[in-house]
Amino acid sequence: MGYGLGVFLLALGLILAFAVQDMIDAVDLTMVGYILCLAGVLVIVLTAVQLNARRRTTTTATTTDAEGRQATTQRRTESDPPPPAI
């Protein structure tokens, strides 16, 4: 999955919803177009969320000293954004 699939589904859905006037028995092409549009938008949003989540990481380390005391440290890092597409 990726942006390409989302854009493809969105474009195909818009074509079916607004540009196709043919009728197929027991199939509403306008509704199929709207469903494909919704699926395309959903794929684009999920891809953006998934790629954004990969850039952030949290590392937790717990250390115990000789007397039994524990110390916990957390480190949050964000990687650099990917280079812009040309």
Foldseek 3Di string as FASTA:
>chain_A
DELVQLVVLLVCLVCQQPPDDDDDPPDRSNVVSVVSNVVSVVRHVVRVVVVQVVQKDKDKDWDADPVGDIDIDIDIGGHDDDDDDD
